[in-house]
Amino acid sequence: MANNFADLFEHSVDAMPDRIALIEEGRRITYRELEERANRLAHHLAAQGVTRGTHIGFQMHNSIDTMQTLIACFKLAAVPININFRYGPDELAYLYDNADLEYLVYHACYGDAVRAAAQRSPRLKYLLCAADDRTPADSGVDCLAEVTAAAPATRPEVPRTADDLFVMYTGGTTGMPKGVLWRQEDMWRVLGGGIDFYTNEPVTDEYQQSRTGAAGEPSTWMILPPLMHLAAMMPTFIALWSGNCVIFVPRFDPAHVWRTVTAERPGVMVVTGDAMARPLIDSYRAGPVDATGLFMIASGAALLTQPTKNALLDLLPNLFVSDSIGSSETGFGGIGFAQRDDDPARKPRVSIGRGAAVVDDAGHPVGPGAEGWLAKTGAVPLGYYKDPERTAKLFKVVDGQRIVVTDDRARLEDDGTISLIGRGNMVINTGGEKVFAEEVEGVVKSHSAIYDATVIGVDHERWGQQVAVVVSLTGEALDLDDLRVHVRTHLAGYKVPRAVWVTETIVRSPSGKPDYTWARKYAAERAPDHRSG
């Protein structure tokens, strides 16, 4: 079976060399051209000392150069390390050190932060800069375009195996970033199409994706989340392993996205939750475009709230809207398709993916109607990089079977589907009652005055904690009493936010996930704009 991500890509190159693989701002590149670019970079990196298992950081936004870098690393059985391009020098220096980076490829616009962090990273011995759409390549370091121009375009002869590593650094919603360590074949199985997402059946062999793609007409996928996250990287690889075409835009600009939809007519658009979907909805309402080729919007990494699903289905009636669950620690957990519903408190519900389960505190499956922890069996990660204590906490052996138990609370429904309740590490305990932040956020964001929201717990002398929220507004004046009535209509009284902070923009991670650390800090540094109780 499949040895390595590079093998799966090369199967597509061999089967469909002249198909368009990537589109970036109107620029098109075929499978053969992408292969040759990746080969050239692989040869250059090998000449600099890269070997099997070498950790190579990529601090890059979505582009052809980014995919060239990723594929080149996999061709050498090296390990690309995703670097959050929003990090400042302190965070970067921590990540460079924690990930044991020796090499770094970066877009020129991040050069200042890279140089500041590199000075504090003695293990980092080689920098390679790629010019981007706004910034020429840095002087004083090697330039990607220049060093690869004369390198061989042939495939490097490097043995590759199913045990070659894939590492995904995740900051989650709290805490410092941590690296999740996978075998590449396991990641392919759970999030790369090695198991069919809809039937839960394994593919017959490593050639099935490219074989099926070559036999049919290609589709075009527009990938909007940043490639440093699984929510973008794996859909991109799935598309390429299946002979499809991927569109990138360097940064998320809703109006530009819709113009690109009109020009390129993608069939699939990948987003991350409300953080991308709501601005896209606003932009479309302000200036509708011809989006008749678009038949699916797929959300991963961050779930869509019910009001957002309703708006998408109303704006584009022939659209399918999907929500999938999963994480860097589990891969794919399940998928659901949106239905219109007027209850903003309706919990996301998905069909169970292969190996997904809801378990009790001991790791045993719960029965229908019971709540527990979302877990995954089968192909699961090896653990966290350089963190045996946390690895032992999440990755267990139960009844002789390896299992990863997440911090996500879920309920197994009578029909076998899973309803997502919220993250266990984001529970607010108010007077002994447990409140999940995501549940309240969905209802708060359905109020007409609220554009975005992050729910947090704040200390309270009597109740221990109270539910509070940081919000940004739509432009409509916020009436706190009206907001309280709105939330109370859908949720229990103890879940109603008692303190509200108003900010111009809610800070989220590049993948669209809430940044609870930022929200708590924002609230701690100023008095609330509204308070009750």
Protein backbone atom coordinates (compact mmCIF):
# COMPACT_ATOMS: atom_id res chain seq x y z
CA MET A 1 0.00 0.00 0.00
CA ALA A 2 0.93 3.67 -0.04
CA ASN A 3 4.40 4.40 1.26
CA ASN A 4 4.43 8.18 1.36
CA PHE A 5 2.48 11.29 0.32
CA ALA A 6 4.96 11.77 -2.52
CA ASP A 7 4.13 8.34 -3.93
CA LEU A 8 0.43 9.20 -4.11
CA PHE A 9 1.22 12.47 -5.87
CA GLU A 10 3.54 10.75 -8.34
CA HIS A 11 0.78 8.27 -9.20
CA SER A 12 -1.35 11.23 -10.33
CA VAL A 13 1.54 12.76 -12.27
CA ASP A 14 2.09 9.50 -14.10
CA ALA A 15 -1.60 9.07 -14.88
CA MET A 16 -2.53 12.70 -15.69
CA PRO A 17 0.64 14.74 -16.37
CA ASP A 18 -1.01 17.42 -18.51
CA ARG A 19 -3.96 18.21 -16.27
CA ILE A 20 -3.95 21.51 -14.40
CA ALA A 21 -2.93 20.88 -10.81
CA LEU A 22 -2.86 24.36 -9.26
CA ILE A 23 -4.21 27.82 -10.02
CA GLU A 24 -2.89 30.86 -8.17
CA GLU A 25 -4.19 34.30 -9.15
CA GLY A 26 -4.81 33.16 -12.73
CA ARG A 27 -1.48 31.38 -13.06
CA ARG A 28 -1.83 27.70 -14.02
CA ILE A 29 0.57 24.84 -13.47
CA THR A 30 0.17 21.24 -14.65
CA TYR A 31 0.87 18.08 -12.68
CA ARG A 32 4.07 17.55 -14.69
CA GLU A 33 5.24 21.12 -14.04
CA LEU A 34 4.51 20.88 -10.30
CA GLU A 35 6.37 17.57 -10.19
CA GLU A 36 9.43 19.04 -11.91
CA ARG A 37 9.45 22.07 -9.59
CA ALA A 38 9.25 19.81 -6.54
CA ASN A 39 12.01 17.56 -7.90
CA ARG A 40 14.32 20.54 -8.44
CA LEU A 41 13.76 21.79 -4.90
CA ALA A 42 14.27 18.29 -3.50
CA HIS A 43 17.63 18.01 -5.24
CA HIS A 44 18.67 21.42 -3.93
CA LEU A 45 17.67 20.59 -0.36
CA ALA A 46 19.47 17.27 -0.54
CA ALA A 47 22.60 19.12 -1.65
CA GLN A 48 22.29 21.28 1.49
CA GLY A 49 22.29 18.18 3.68
CA VAL A 50 18.62 17.28 4.00
CA THR A 51 18.13 13.55 4.58
CA ARG A 52 15.43 11.20 5.79
CA GLY A 53 13.72 12.61 8.87
CA THR A 54 15.19 16.12 8.62
CA HIS A 55 12.78 18.73 10.00
CA ILE A 56 12.11 21.53 7.49
CA GLY A 57 9.84 24.40 8.51
CA PHE A 58 7.55 26.10 6.02
CA GLN A 59 6.38 29.57 7.04
CA MET A 60 4.27 30.28 3.98
CA HIS A 61 0.77 31.24 2.94
CA ASN A 62 -1.15 29.44 0.22
CA SER A 63 0.73 29.37 -3.07
CA ILE A 64 2.25 27.17 -5.73
CA ASP A 65 5.63 27.61 -4.00
CA THR A 66 4.16 26.23 -0.77
CA MET A 67 2.96 23.04 -2.43
CA GLN A 68 6.28 22.72 -4.26
CA THR A 69 7.98 22.86 -0.84
CA LEU A 70 5.71 20.30 0.80
CA ILE A 71 5.99 17.78 -2.03
CA ALA A 72 9.78 18.22 -2.19
CA CYS A 73 10.05 17.42 1.51
CA PHE A 74 7.95 14.29 1.17
CA LYS A 75 10.00 13.16 -1.82
CA LEU A 76 13.10 13.18 0.41
CA ALA A 77 11.30 11.43 3.28
CA ALA A 78 12.01 14.63 5.22
CA VAL A 79 9.45 16.09 7.63
CA PRO A 80 7.84 19.43 6.76
CA ILE A 81 6.86 21.40 9.89
CA ASN A 82 3.97 23.84 9.61
CA ILE A 83 4.78 27.27 11.03
CA ASN A 84 1.99 29.70 11.93
CA PHE A 85 2.85 32.77 9.86
CA ARG A 86 1.00 35.02 12.33
CA TYR A 87 3.41 34.23 15.14
CA GLY A 88 5.76 36.89 16.45
CA PRO A 89 9.49 36.33 17.11
CA ASP A 90 9.02 34.90 20.63
CA GLU A 91 6.46 32.33 19.50
CA LEU A 92 8.53 31.46 16.44
CA ALA A 93 11.70 30.96 18.46
CA TYR A 94 9.80 28.58 20.75
CA LEU A 95 8.40 26.61 17.82
CA TYR A 96 11.69 26.48 15.90
CA ASP A 97 13.34 25.03 19.02
CA ASN A 98 10.53 22.67 20.03
CA ALA A 99 10.31 21.26 16.49
CA ASP A 100 14.11 20.86 16.15
CA LEU A 101 14.13 22.82 12.89
CA GLU A 102 17.35 22.79 10.89
CA TYR A 103 15.95 24.25 7.66
CA LEU A 104 13.27 26.86 6.97
CA VAL A 105 11.50 27.91 3.77
CA TYR A 106 9.53 31.15 4.11
CA HIS A 107 7.69 33.78 2.15
CA ALA A 108 9.52 37.09 2.00
CA CYS A 109 6.72 39.05 3.69
CA TYR A 110 7.51 37.20 6.95
CA GLY A 111 11.22 37.99 6.73
CA ASP A 112 11.44 40.40 9.68
CA ALA A 113 9.92 37.91 12.13
CA VAL A 114 11.99 35.06 10.68
CA ARG A 115 15.27 36.94 11.09
CA ALA A 116 14.44 37.97 14.66
CA ALA A 117 13.56 34.40 15.66
CA ALA A 118 16.44 32.81 13.74
CA GLN A 119 18.97 34.78 15.80
CA ARG A 120 17.71 32.88 18.85
CA SER A 121 17.62 29.47 17.13
CA PRO A 122 21.16 28.06 16.92
CA ARG A 123 19.94 24.72 15.52
CA LEU A 124 18.49 26.48 12.44
CA LYS A 125 21.27 26.35 9.86
CA TYR A 126 19.67 27.13 6.48
CA LEU A 127 17.09 29.67 5.29
CA LEU A 128 15.44 29.66 1.87
CA CYS A 129 13.25 32.62 0.87
CA ALA A 130 10.45 32.67 -1.70
CA ALA A 131 9.24 35.93 -3.19
CA ASP A 132 5.50 36.40 -2.73
CA ASP A 133 2.80 38.51 -4.34
CA ARG A 134 3.80 41.60 -2.32
CA THR A 135 7.46 41.22 -1.36
CA PRO A 136 10.63 40.39 -3.32
CA ALA A 137 12.90 37.69 -1.96
CA ASP A 138 15.26 38.70 0.85
CA SER A 139 18.83 39.49 -0.02
CA GLY A 140 21.51 37.67 1.92
CA VAL A 141 19.75 34.28 1.85
CA ASP A 142 19.11 31.81 -0.95
CA CYS A 143 16.14 32.57 -3.20
CA LEU A 144 13.82 29.66 -4.04
CA ALA A 145 13.39 30.56 -7.71
CA GLU A 146 17.11 31.07 -8.28
CA VAL A 147 18.54 28.00 -6.55
CA THR A 148 16.10 25.61 -8.19
CA ALA A 149 16.47 26.97 -11.73
CA ALA A 150 19.50 24.81 -12.56
CA ALA A 151 18.70 21.80 -10.36
CA PRO A 152 17.76 18.47 -11.99
CA ALA A 153 14.06 17.92 -12.75
CA THR A 154 14.32 14.15 -12.30
CA ARG A 155 12.79 12.35 -9.35
CA PRO A 156 15.26 11.96 -6.49
CA GLU A 157 16.08 8.34 -5.73
CA VAL A 158 15.14 8.18 -2.06
CA PRO A 159 13.52 5.06 -0.56
CA ARG A 160 10.18 5.92 1.07
CA THR A 161 8.10 3.86 3.47
CA ALA A 162 4.73 3.78 5.18
CA ASP A 163 6.52 4.74 8.41
CA ASP A 164 7.80 8.07 7.06
CA LEU A 165 6.63 10.75 9.46
CA PHE A 166 4.04 13.47 9.16
CA VAL A 167 4.02 16.14 11.88
CA MET A 168 1.28 18.71 12.38
CA TYR A 169 1.86 21.47 14.93
CA THR A 170 -1.33 22.67 16.51
CA GLY A 171 -1.87 25.52 18.92
CA GLY A 172 -5.44 24.39 19.54
CA THR A 173 -7.52 27.01 21.30
CA THR A 174 -5.21 27.41 24.30
CA GLY A 175 -1.59 26.88 25.25
CA MET A 176 1.68 26.63 23.36
CA PRO A 177 1.88 24.80 20.03
CA LYS A 178 2.52 21.07 20.11
CA GLY A 179 3.46 18.65 17.37
CA VAL A 180 1.24 15.66 16.63
CA LEU A 181 3.29 12.78 15.24
CA TRP A 182 1.74 10.49 12.58
CA ARG A 183 2.87 7.76 10.23
CA GLN A 184 2.09 9.05 6.73
CA GLU A 185 0.04 5.99 5.80
CA ASP A 186 -2.11 6.43 8.93
CA MET A 187 -2.78 10.08 8.06
CA TRP A 188 -3.65 9.04 4.50
CA ARG A 189 -6.05 6.47 5.88
CA VAL A 190 -7.92 8.83 8.19
CA LEU A 191 -7.82 12.15 6.36
CA GLY A 192 -6.38 11.64 2.89
CA GLY A 193 -8.99 9.49 1.19
CA GLY A 194 -7.39 6.15 2.08
CA ILE A 195 -10.76 5.41 3.64
CA ASP A 196 -13.84 6.69 1.83
CA PHE A 197 -15.41 9.49 3.91
CA TYR A 198 -18.96 8.55 2.97
CA THR A 199 -18.88 4.73 2.98
CA ASN A 200 -16.09 4.27 5.57
CA GLU A 201 -14.59 1.60 3.31
CA PRO A 202 -10.81 1.45 2.71
CA VAL A 203 -9.67 2.01 -0.88
CA THR A 204 -8.51 -1.10 -2.70
CA ASP A 205 -4.91 0.04 -3.21
CA GLU A 206 -2.69 3.10 -3.36
CA TYR A 207 -3.53 3.67 -7.03
CA GLN A 208 -7.31 3.84 -6.62
CA GLN A 209 -7.49 7.61 -6.20
CA SER A 210 -5.37 8.40 -9.26
CA ARG A 211 -6.98 5.59 -11.26
CA THR A 212 -10.48 6.88 -10.52
CA GLY A 213 -9.41 10.45 -11.22
CA ALA A 214 -7.89 9.58 -14.57
CA ALA A 215 -11.08 7.80 -15.63
CA GLY A 216 -13.29 10.83 -14.95
CA GLU A 217 -13.47 14.56 -15.54
CA PRO A 218 -11.54 16.71 -13.04
CA SER A 219 -13.27 19.06 -10.65
CA THR A 220 -11.88 22.31 -9.26
CA TRP A 221 -11.54 22.93 -5.54
CA MET A 222 -10.98 26.34 -3.96
CA ILE A 223 -9.05 25.91 -0.71
CA LEU A 224 -9.36 28.99 1.52
CA PRO A 225 -7.87 27.98 4.92
CA PRO A 226 -4.08 28.29 5.21
CA LEU A 227 -2.02 25.28 4.18
CA MET A 228 -0.34 25.23 7.59
CA HIS A 229 -3.53 23.58 8.89
CA LEU A 230 -4.92 20.11 8.20
CA ALA A 231 -8.20 21.77 7.16
CA ALA A 232 -6.41 22.99 4.02
CA MET A 233 -3.41 20.71 3.56
CA MET A 234 -5.30 17.44 3.46
CA PRO A 235 -8.14 18.57 1.14
CA THR A 236 -5.43 19.91 -1.19
CA PHE A 237 -3.62 16.57 -1.21
CA ILE A 238 -6.88 14.66 -1.64
CA ALA A 239 -7.63 16.79 -4.71
CA LEU A 240 -4.16 16.23 -6.16
CA TRP A 241 -4.11 12.51 -5.43
CA SER A 242 -7.43 12.28 -7.29
CA GLY A 243 -6.45 14.27 -10.38
CA ASN A 244 -8.37 17.42 -9.54
CA CYS A 245 -7.39 21.09 -9.64
CA VAL A 246 -6.86 23.37 -6.63
CA ILE A 247 -7.25 27.15 -6.55
CA PHE A 248 -5.27 29.22 -4.03
CA VAL A 249 -5.59 32.87 -3.08
CA PRO A 250 -2.69 34.34 -1.05
CA ARG A 251 -4.94 35.79 1.65
CA PHE A 252 -8.60 35.68 2.59
CA ASP A 253 -10.47 38.59 1.01
CA PRO A 254 -14.17 37.73 0.58
CA ALA A 255 -14.81 40.03 -2.40
CA HIS A 256 -11.72 38.69 -4.16
CA VAL A 257 -12.81 35.13 -3.39
CA TRP A 258 -16.16 35.68 -5.11
CA ARG A 259 -14.48 37.32 -8.11
CA THR A 260 -12.25 34.25 -8.37
CA VAL A 261 -15.31 31.99 -8.12
CA THR A 262 -16.81 33.81 -11.11
CA ALA A 263 -13.59 33.63 -13.12
CA GLU A 264 -12.51 30.05 -12.33
CA ARG A 265 -15.88 28.39 -11.55
CA PRO A 266 -14.80 25.97 -8.81
CA GLY A 267 -17.21 23.23 -7.83
CA VAL A 268 -16.03 22.91 -4.23
CA MET A 269 -15.06 25.61 -1.73
CA VAL A 270 -13.33 24.66 1.53
CA VAL A 271 -13.76 27.02 4.50
CA THR A 272 -13.31 26.93 8.26
CA GLY A 273 -16.52 27.66 10.11
CA ASP A 274 -18.26 30.97 10.62
CA ALA A 275 -14.96 32.88 10.60
CA MET A 276 -14.82 32.48 6.82
CA ALA A 277 -18.44 31.72 5.96
CA ARG A 278 -19.98 34.82 7.53
CA PRO A 279 -17.71 37.34 5.73
CA LEU A 280 -18.36 35.44 2.50
CA ILE A 281 -22.11 35.70 3.09
CA ASP A 282 -21.85 39.45 3.79
CA SER A 283 -19.76 40.01 0.66
CA TYR A 284 -22.13 38.01 -1.53
CA ARG A 285 -25.13 39.95 -0.23
CA ALA A 286 -23.34 43.23 -0.93
CA GLY A 287 -22.40 42.18 -4.45
CA PRO A 288 -23.91 38.93 -5.78
CA VAL A 289 -21.85 37.11 -8.40
CA ASP A 290 -22.33 34.22 -10.79
CA ALA A 291 -21.60 31.21 -8.58
CA THR A 292 -23.58 28.65 -10.55
CA GLY A 293 -20.61 26.27 -10.82
CA LEU A 294 -20.29 26.02 -7.04
CA PHE A 295 -22.12 22.98 -5.72
CA MET A 296 -20.51 22.41 -2.29
CA ILE A 297 -19.10 24.46 0.56
CA ALA A 298 -17.24 22.18 2.97
CA SER A 299 -16.28 23.34 6.44
CA GLY A 300 -13.60 21.71 8.54
CA ALA A 301 -11.59 22.55 11.69
CA ALA A 302 -14.31 24.93 12.95
CA LEU A 303 -18.02 24.11 12.81
CA LEU A 304 -20.65 26.27 11.18
CA THR A 305 -23.42 27.61 13.39
CA GLN A 306 -26.98 26.88 12.36
CA PRO A 307 -27.80 30.52 11.37
CA THR A 308 -24.77 30.51 9.06
CA LYS A 309 -25.88 27.26 7.46
CA ASN A 310 -29.35 28.74 6.96
CA ALA A 311 -27.90 31.84 5.29
CA LEU A 312 -25.75 29.79 2.89
CA LEU A 313 -28.68 27.60 1.90
CA ASP A 314 -30.88 30.67 1.37
CA LEU A 315 -28.31 32.53 -0.73
CA LEU A 316 -27.37 29.56 -2.92
CA PRO A 317 -30.37 27.19 -2.93
CA ASN A 318 -28.68 24.44 -4.98
CA LEU A 319 -25.70 24.30 -2.66
CA PHE A 320 -24.64 21.38 -0.46
CA VAL A 321 -23.10 22.52 2.82
CA SER A 322 -21.07 20.02 4.83
CA ASP A 323 -19.54 20.08 8.29
CA SER A 324 -16.81 17.63 9.22
CA ILE A 325 -15.28 16.96 12.61
CA GLY A 326 -11.78 15.95 13.44
CA SER A 327 -8.51 17.29 14.74
CA SER A 328 -4.77 17.01 14.40
CA GLU A 329 -4.95 14.23 16.99
CA THR A 330 -7.74 12.20 15.36
CA GLY A 331 -7.95 12.98 11.67
CA PHE A 332 -11.44 12.58 10.24
CA GLY A 333 -14.19 11.90 12.78
CA GLY A 334 -17.40 12.30 10.82
CA ILE A 335 -19.35 14.40 8.34
CA GLY A 336 -22.78 15.95 8.25
CA PHE A 337 -24.79 17.89 5.68
CA ALA A 338 -26.61 21.07 6.59
CA GLN A 339 -30.38 21.24 6.79
CA ARG A 340 -32.35 24.39 7.36
CA ASP A 341 -33.42 24.79 10.99
CA ASP A 342 -34.66 27.85 12.87
CA ASP A 343 -33.17 26.77 16.21
CA PRO A 344 -29.76 28.48 16.62
CA ALA A 345 -28.99 26.17 19.55
CA ARG A 346 -29.22 23.06 17.36
CA LYS A 347 -26.06 21.08 17.97
CA PRO A 348 -23.92 19.97 15.01
CA ARG A 349 -24.61 16.34 14.17
CA VAL A 350 -22.46 14.10 11.98
CA SER A 351 -22.38 10.56 10.71
CA ILE A 352 -19.64 8.61 12.41
CA GLY A 353 -16.37 8.18 10.54
CA ARG A 354 -14.47 4.90 10.61
CA GLY A 355 -13.02 4.35 14.08
CA ALA A 356 -14.82 7.30 15.67
CA ALA A 357 -16.57 6.64 18.98
CA VAL A 358 -18.02 8.29 22.06
CA VAL A 359 -16.42 6.86 25.20
CA ASP A 360 -16.66 7.22 28.96
CA ASP A 361 -13.86 8.34 31.27
CA ALA A 362 -12.33 4.84 31.14
CA GLY A 363 -12.29 4.82 27.33
CA HIS A 364 -15.17 2.36 26.87
CA PRO A 365 -17.93 3.09 24.31
CA VAL A 366 -21.13 4.61 25.68
CA GLY A 367 -24.61 3.51 24.67
CA PRO A 368 -27.13 5.40 22.52
CA GLY A 369 -28.37 8.60 24.16
CA ALA A 370 -25.35 8.87 26.46
CA GLU A 371 -22.74 11.61 26.61
CA GLY A 372 -18.99 11.08 26.73
CA TRP A 373 -15.72 12.00 25.06
CA LEU A 374 -15.16 11.94 21.32
CA ALA A 375 -12.50 9.34 20.59
CA LYS A 376 -10.81 7.58 17.69
CA THR A 377 -9.51 4.04 17.27
CA GLY A 378 -7.64 2.35 14.43
CA ALA A 379 -5.15 4.56 12.60
CA VAL A 380 -4.21 7.09 15.27
CA PRO A 381 -1.08 9.21 15.84
CA LEU A 382 2.05 7.96 17.51
CA GLY A 383 1.73 10.76 20.06
CA TYR A 384 3.01 14.27 20.68
CA TYR A 385 6.52 15.21 19.62
CA LYS A 386 8.84 15.43 22.65
CA ASP A 387 5.92 15.30 25.11
CA PRO A 388 5.62 11.82 26.63
CA GLU A 389 3.50 13.07 29.55
CA ARG A 390 0.75 14.50 27.34
CA THR A 391 1.05 11.54 24.99
CA ALA A 392 0.34 9.17 27.86
CA LYS A 393 -2.69 11.25 28.87
CA LEU A 394 -4.46 11.25 25.48
CA PHE A 395 -3.17 8.15 23.69
CA LYS A 396 -4.16 4.95 25.48
CA VAL A 397 -4.63 1.25 25.00
CA VAL A 398 -8.14 0.13 26.01
CA ASP A 399 -9.10 -3.55 25.77
CA GLY A 400 -6.00 -4.16 23.67
CA GLN A 401 -6.82 -1.42 21.14
CA ARG A 402 -4.98 1.89 20.64
CA ILE A 403 -7.27 4.86 21.14
CA VAL A 404 -6.97 8.64 21.32
CA VAL A 405 -9.49 10.31 23.63
CA THR A 406 -10.06 14.01 22.84
CA ASP A 407 -11.21 16.91 24.99
CA ASP A 408 -14.43 17.14 22.95
CA ARG A 409 -17.71 16.25 24.63
CA ALA A 410 -20.26 14.49 22.43
CA ARG A 411 -23.45 12.47 22.59
CA LEU A 412 -24.16 9.23 20.74
CA GLU A 413 -27.64 9.58 19.29
CA ASP A 414 -30.15 6.77 18.96
CA ASP A 415 -29.70 6.72 15.18
CA GLY A 416 -25.93 6.21 15.50
CA THR A 417 -24.92 9.77 14.67
CA ILE A 418 -22.83 11.97 16.96
CA SER A 419 -23.89 15.36 18.31
CA LEU A 420 -21.06 17.69 19.25
CA ILE A 421 -21.52 19.43 22.60
CA GLY A 422 -18.30 21.36 23.13
CA ARG A 423 -14.69 21.21 24.23
CA GLY A 424 -14.25 19.83 27.69
CA ASN A 425 -11.31 22.14 28.36
CA MET A 426 -13.56 25.13 27.62
CA VAL A 427 -16.28 24.28 30.14
CA ILE A 428 -17.44 27.17 32.31
CA ASN A 429 -18.47 26.03 35.80
CA THR A 430 -21.02 28.49 37.16
CA GLY A 431 -22.54 27.52 40.50
CA GLY A 432 -21.91 23.85 39.75
CA GLU A 433 -23.61 23.99 36.33
CA LYS A 434 -21.43 23.21 33.31
CA VAL A 435 -21.66 25.47 30.28
CA PHE A 436 -19.92 24.73 26.97
CA ALA A 437 -18.61 27.87 25.31
CA GLU A 438 -19.44 26.78 21.74
CA GLU A 439 -23.10 26.19 22.59
CA VAL A 440 -23.54 29.75 23.86
CA GLU A 441 -21.49 31.25 21.02
CA GLY A 442 -23.82 29.81 18.40
CA VAL A 443 -26.89 31.39 20.01
CA VAL A 444 -25.20 34.74 20.72
CA LYS A 445 -24.05 35.01 17.10
CA SER A 446 -27.62 34.48 15.87
CA HIS A 447 -28.66 37.84 17.43
CA SER A 448 -29.03 40.53 14.78
CA ALA A 449 -26.60 42.93 16.49
CA ILE A 450 -23.79 40.37 16.90
CA TYR A 451 -21.33 39.69 14.11
CA ASP A 452 -18.90 37.43 15.97
CA ALA A 453 -18.45 36.23 19.53
CA THR A 454 -16.12 34.32 21.84
CA VAL A 455 -17.59 33.05 25.11
CA ILE A 456 -15.39 32.80 28.20
CA GLY A 457 -15.76 32.21 31.93
CA VAL A 458 -14.85 35.04 34.33
CA ASP A 459 -14.29 34.71 38.06
CA HIS A 460 -17.26 35.39 40.34
CA GLU A 461 -17.24 35.53 44.14
CA ARG A 462 -20.53 33.65 44.57
CA TRP A 463 -20.79 31.36 41.55
CA GLY A 464 -17.11 30.58 40.99
CA GLN A 465 -17.42 31.62 37.36
CA GLN A 466 -19.94 33.49 35.27
CA VAL A 467 -20.58 33.19 31.56
CA ALA A 468 -19.22 36.21 29.69
CA VAL A 469 -18.67 37.08 26.06
CA VAL A 470 -16.50 39.25 23.85
CA VAL A 471 -18.41 40.36 20.76
CA SER A 472 -18.07 42.37 17.59
CA LEU A 473 -21.16 44.06 16.20
CA THR A 474 -22.90 44.17 12.85
CA GLY A 475 -23.42 47.94 13.09
CA GLU A 476 -26.69 47.65 14.91
CA ALA A 477 -26.77 49.00 18.49
CA LEU A 478 -26.55 46.28 21.11
CA ASP A 479 -29.30 46.15 23.73
CA LEU A 480 -28.05 43.87 26.52
CA ASP A 481 -31.54 43.10 27.80
CA ASP A 482 -32.60 42.09 24.31
CA LEU A 483 -29.52 39.86 23.97
CA ARG A 484 -30.29 38.20 27.31
CA VAL A 485 -33.89 37.53 26.26
CA HIS A 486 -32.69 36.14 22.93
CA VAL A 487 -30.24 33.72 24.57
CA ARG A 488 -32.74 32.78 27.29
CA THR A 489 -35.26 31.83 24.59
CA HIS A 490 -32.96 29.05 23.43
CA LEU A 491 -30.83 28.15 26.46
CA ALA A 492 -31.13 27.78 30.21
CA GLY A 493 -30.85 30.93 32.29
CA TYR A 494 -27.46 30.04 33.78
CA LYS A 495 -25.99 29.98 30.26
CA VAL A 496 -26.89 33.62 29.56
CA PRO A 497 -23.78 35.89 29.42
CA ARG A 498 -23.69 38.27 32.38
CA ALA A 499 -20.85 40.44 31.12
CA VAL A 500 -20.25 41.65 27.58
CA TRP A 501 -17.14 43.22 26.08
CA VAL A 502 -17.45 44.90 22.67
CA THR A 503 -14.46 44.96 20.32
CA GLU A 504 -14.03 45.93 16.70
CA THR A 505 -12.74 42.53 15.62
CA ILE A 506 -12.74 39.13 17.28
CA VAL A 507 -9.27 37.57 17.09
CA ARG A 508 -9.21 34.00 15.79
CA SER A 509 -6.52 31.59 14.71
CA PRO A 510 -5.73 31.43 10.98
CA SER A 511 -7.90 28.30 10.82
CA GLY A 512 -10.88 30.20 12.22
CA LYS A 513 -10.86 28.67 15.69
CA PRO A 514 -11.62 30.89 18.69
CA ASP A 515 -8.59 32.34 20.45
CA TYR A 516 -9.76 31.99 24.04
CA THR A 517 -6.42 33.14 25.43
CA TRP A 518 -6.82 36.45 23.58
CA ALA A 519 -10.45 36.81 24.71
CA ARG A 520 -9.59 36.25 28.37
CA LYS A 521 -6.73 38.75 28.17
CA TYR A 522 -8.96 41.30 26.45
CA ALA A 523 -11.58 40.96 29.17
CA ALA A 524 -9.04 41.07 32.01
CA GLU A 525 -7.55 44.36 30.83
CA ARG A 526 -10.75 46.45 30.76
CA ALA A 527 -14.15 46.82 32.37
CA PRO A 528 -17.05 45.19 30.52
CA ASP A 529 -19.19 47.37 28.31
CA HIS A 530 -22.33 45.74 29.70
CA ARG A 531 -22.84 43.83 32.94
CA SER A 532 -25.82 42.33 34.76
CA GLY A 533 -26.12 40.17 37.86
